[in-house]
Protein backbone atom coordinates (compact mmCIF):
# COMPACT_ATOMS: atom_id res chain seq x y z
CA MET A 1 22.18 22.59 2.50
CA ASN A 2 23.80 19.56 4.10
CA ARG A 3 24.60 16.32 2.28
CA PHE A 4 21.48 14.50 3.42
CA SER A 5 19.16 17.36 2.56
CA VAL A 6 20.27 17.13 -1.00
CA PHE A 7 20.37 13.34 -0.85
CA PHE A 8 16.90 12.93 0.59
CA MET A 9 15.15 15.53 -1.53
CA VAL A 10 16.72 14.16 -4.69
CA ILE A 11 17.00 10.54 -3.61
CA PHE A 12 14.45 9.30 -6.13
CA GLY A 13 15.63 11.39 -9.06
CA LEU A 14 19.22 12.54 -8.85
CA LEU A 15 20.68 9.78 -10.97
CA LEU A 16 17.70 9.91 -13.28
CA VAL A 17 18.04 13.59 -14.00
CA GLN A 18 21.72 13.09 -14.83
CA ASN A 19 20.71 10.42 -17.35
CA ILE A 20 17.48 11.95 -18.64
CA SER A 21 18.07 10.97 -22.26
CA VAL A 22 18.24 7.29 -21.26
CA ILE A 23 15.03 7.58 -19.27
CA GLN A 24 13.27 9.41 -22.07
CA ALA A 25 14.23 6.60 -24.45
CA GLN A 26 12.92 4.03 -22.00
CA THR A 27 9.78 6.09 -21.47
CA SER A 28 8.96 6.06 -25.15
CA GLN A 29 9.52 2.30 -25.23
CA ASP A 30 7.50 1.43 -22.15
CA GLU A 31 5.30 4.40 -21.23
CA ASN A 32 2.42 2.21 -20.12
CA GLY A 33 4.34 -0.12 -17.83
CA PRO A 34 4.88 0.49 -14.14
CA ALA A 35 8.30 1.39 -12.77
CA VAL A 36 9.66 0.35 -9.38
CA VAL A 37 12.38 2.47 -7.79
CA ILE A 38 14.53 0.90 -5.08
CA THR A 39 16.97 2.95 -3.06
CA THR A 40 19.33 1.11 -0.74
CA ILE A 41 20.55 3.26 2.15
CA GLU A 42 23.05 2.55 4.90
CA LEU A 43 21.81 3.53 8.34
CA ALA A 44 23.97 5.06 11.05
CA MET A 45 23.08 5.17 14.73
CA PRO A 46 24.35 8.33 16.37
CA ASP A 47 25.40 8.03 20.01
CA ASP A 48 22.67 10.43 21.08
CA GLY A 49 20.06 8.95 18.72
CA SER A 50 17.33 6.37 19.18
CA MET A 51 15.21 4.12 17.00
CA ALA A 52 12.16 5.89 18.41
CA GLU A 53 13.43 9.23 17.08
CA PHE A 54 14.38 7.69 13.73
CA ASP A 55 10.98 6.02 13.40
CA SER A 56 9.26 9.29 14.27
CA LEU A 57 11.21 11.29 11.68
CA ASN A 58 10.65 8.61 9.05
CA GLN A 59 6.91 8.59 9.81
CA LEU A 60 6.73 12.39 9.57
CA TYR A 61 8.29 12.32 6.11
CA THR A 62 6.07 9.45 4.99
CA ASP A 63 2.88 11.12 6.25
CA ASN A 64 3.68 14.60 4.94
CA VAL A 65 5.26 13.71 1.61
CA ILE A 66 4.91 10.13 0.39
CA LYS A 67 1.28 9.53 1.38
CA LYS A 68 0.26 12.83 -0.22
CA ASN A 69 1.98 12.09 -3.53
CA ASP A 70 -0.72 10.68 -5.82
CA LEU A 71 1.91 9.58 -8.37
CA ILE A 72 3.25 6.97 -5.97
CA VAL A 73 0.93 3.96 -6.20
CA ASN A 74 2.81 1.69 -3.78
CA TYR A 75 5.44 2.49 -1.15
CA ARG A 76 7.27 0.64 1.54
CA THR A 77 10.37 0.98 3.66
CA LEU A 78 12.22 -2.20 4.58
CA ARG A 79 15.01 -2.72 7.06
CA HIS A 80 17.46 -5.59 6.86
CA TRP A 81 16.20 -8.08 9.43
CA TRP A 82 18.64 -10.96 9.28
CA GLY A 83 22.19 -11.31 8.01
CA HIS A 84 25.55 -9.62 8.04
CA ASN A 85 24.50 -5.96 7.68
CA ASN A 86 21.47 -4.87 9.67
CA ARG A 87 22.17 -1.23 8.80
CA GLU A 88 20.75 -1.66 5.30
CA MET A 89 17.38 -0.04 4.57
CA LEU A 90 15.41 -0.18 1.33
CA ILE A 91 12.97 2.45 0.15
CA VAL A 92 10.75 0.93 -2.52
CA TYR A 93 8.07 2.74 -4.47
CA GLU A 94 6.08 2.11 -7.61
CA VAL A 95 4.69 4.56 -10.14
CA LYS A 96 2.45 3.89 -13.14
CA THR A 97 4.95 4.83 -15.88
CA TRP A 98 8.61 5.65 -16.43
CA GLY A 99 7.65 9.27 -16.89
CA ASP A 100 6.18 9.32 -13.41
CA VAL A 101 9.56 8.51 -11.83
CA ILE A 102 10.87 12.05 -12.31
CA ALA A 103 7.45 13.63 -11.79
CA ALA A 104 7.03 11.80 -8.46
CA ASN A 105 10.42 13.05 -7.30
CA GLN A 106 9.54 16.62 -8.24
CA LYS A 107 6.24 16.32 -6.40
CA ASN A 108 8.05 14.92 -3.33
CA ASN A 109 10.22 18.04 -3.33
CA GLU A 110 7.15 20.29 -3.54
CA LEU A 111 5.36 18.41 -0.77
CA PHE A 112 8.48 18.54 1.42
CA GLU A 113 8.69 22.32 1.01
CA LYS A 114 4.99 22.65 1.76
CA ALA A 115 5.17 20.47 4.91
CA TRP A 116 8.27 22.26 6.19
CA ALA A 117 7.39 25.71 4.90
CA THR A 118 10.47 27.65 6.02
CA LYS A 119 14.12 27.19 5.21
CA GLU A 120 14.77 26.88 8.95
CA SER A 121 12.19 24.13 9.47
CA ARG A 122 13.53 22.17 6.48
CA LYS A 123 17.07 22.50 7.82
CA ALA A 124 16.00 21.41 11.32
CA PHE A 125 14.22 18.34 9.95
CA ASN A 126 17.08 17.42 7.62
CA ASP A 127 19.69 17.92 10.35
CA ALA A 128 17.76 15.62 12.70
CA TYR A 129 17.06 12.96 10.06
CA ASN A 130 20.53 13.21 8.51
CA ARG A 131 22.16 11.85 11.62
CA TYR A 132 20.70 8.41 10.91
CA PHE A 133 22.35 7.86 7.52
CA THR A 134 25.96 7.39 6.42
CA GLY A 135 25.36 8.91 2.97
CA LYS A 136 26.14 5.59 1.27
CA HIS A 137 23.30 4.58 -1.05
CA SER A 138 22.38 3.21 -4.45
CA ASP A 139 19.37 3.76 -6.71
CA GLU A 140 17.87 1.25 -9.10
CA ILE A 141 14.80 1.30 -11.35
CA TYR A 142 13.00 -1.85 -12.39
CA SER A 143 10.16 -2.71 -14.74
CA ASN A 144 7.87 -5.71 -14.69
CA VAL A 145 8.93 -8.80 -16.58
CA GLU A 146 5.81 -9.87 -18.46
CA SER A 147 7.01 -13.22 -19.79
CA GLY A 148 5.32 -16.21 -18.23
CA ARG A 149 2.35 -14.22 -16.91
CA LYS A 150 -1.17 -15.21 -17.83
């Protein structure tokens, strides 16, 4: 499995799984509150690539995985529009509870394997998509701040 295969399939949960005791503590404290996961990714543009191909691959993943994951209540992909680094892309999704963060990631993995049913098809997709990322990324999880709301 190449670096992006692992990265993409585990993008929403890798750091969480490594720190599961912290998440479980937070889950017990705030099980009913929504969680927002933001992953910042650095894009790369291969010489033989195109934005049309990238957009197509991104749409395939979104249609076959994200939109079919009922644990994800809100999802959006944002690309840096103005400023010093237009290679920055954000993947933002919201789930109902902290516990759903890991569950949503696990379901994404299942849906990915269902959409690309063979090892060869998963490798082909990941190899094509992988070309558009440097591997540099960060993952953050946020909760709502309730103070001041009426």
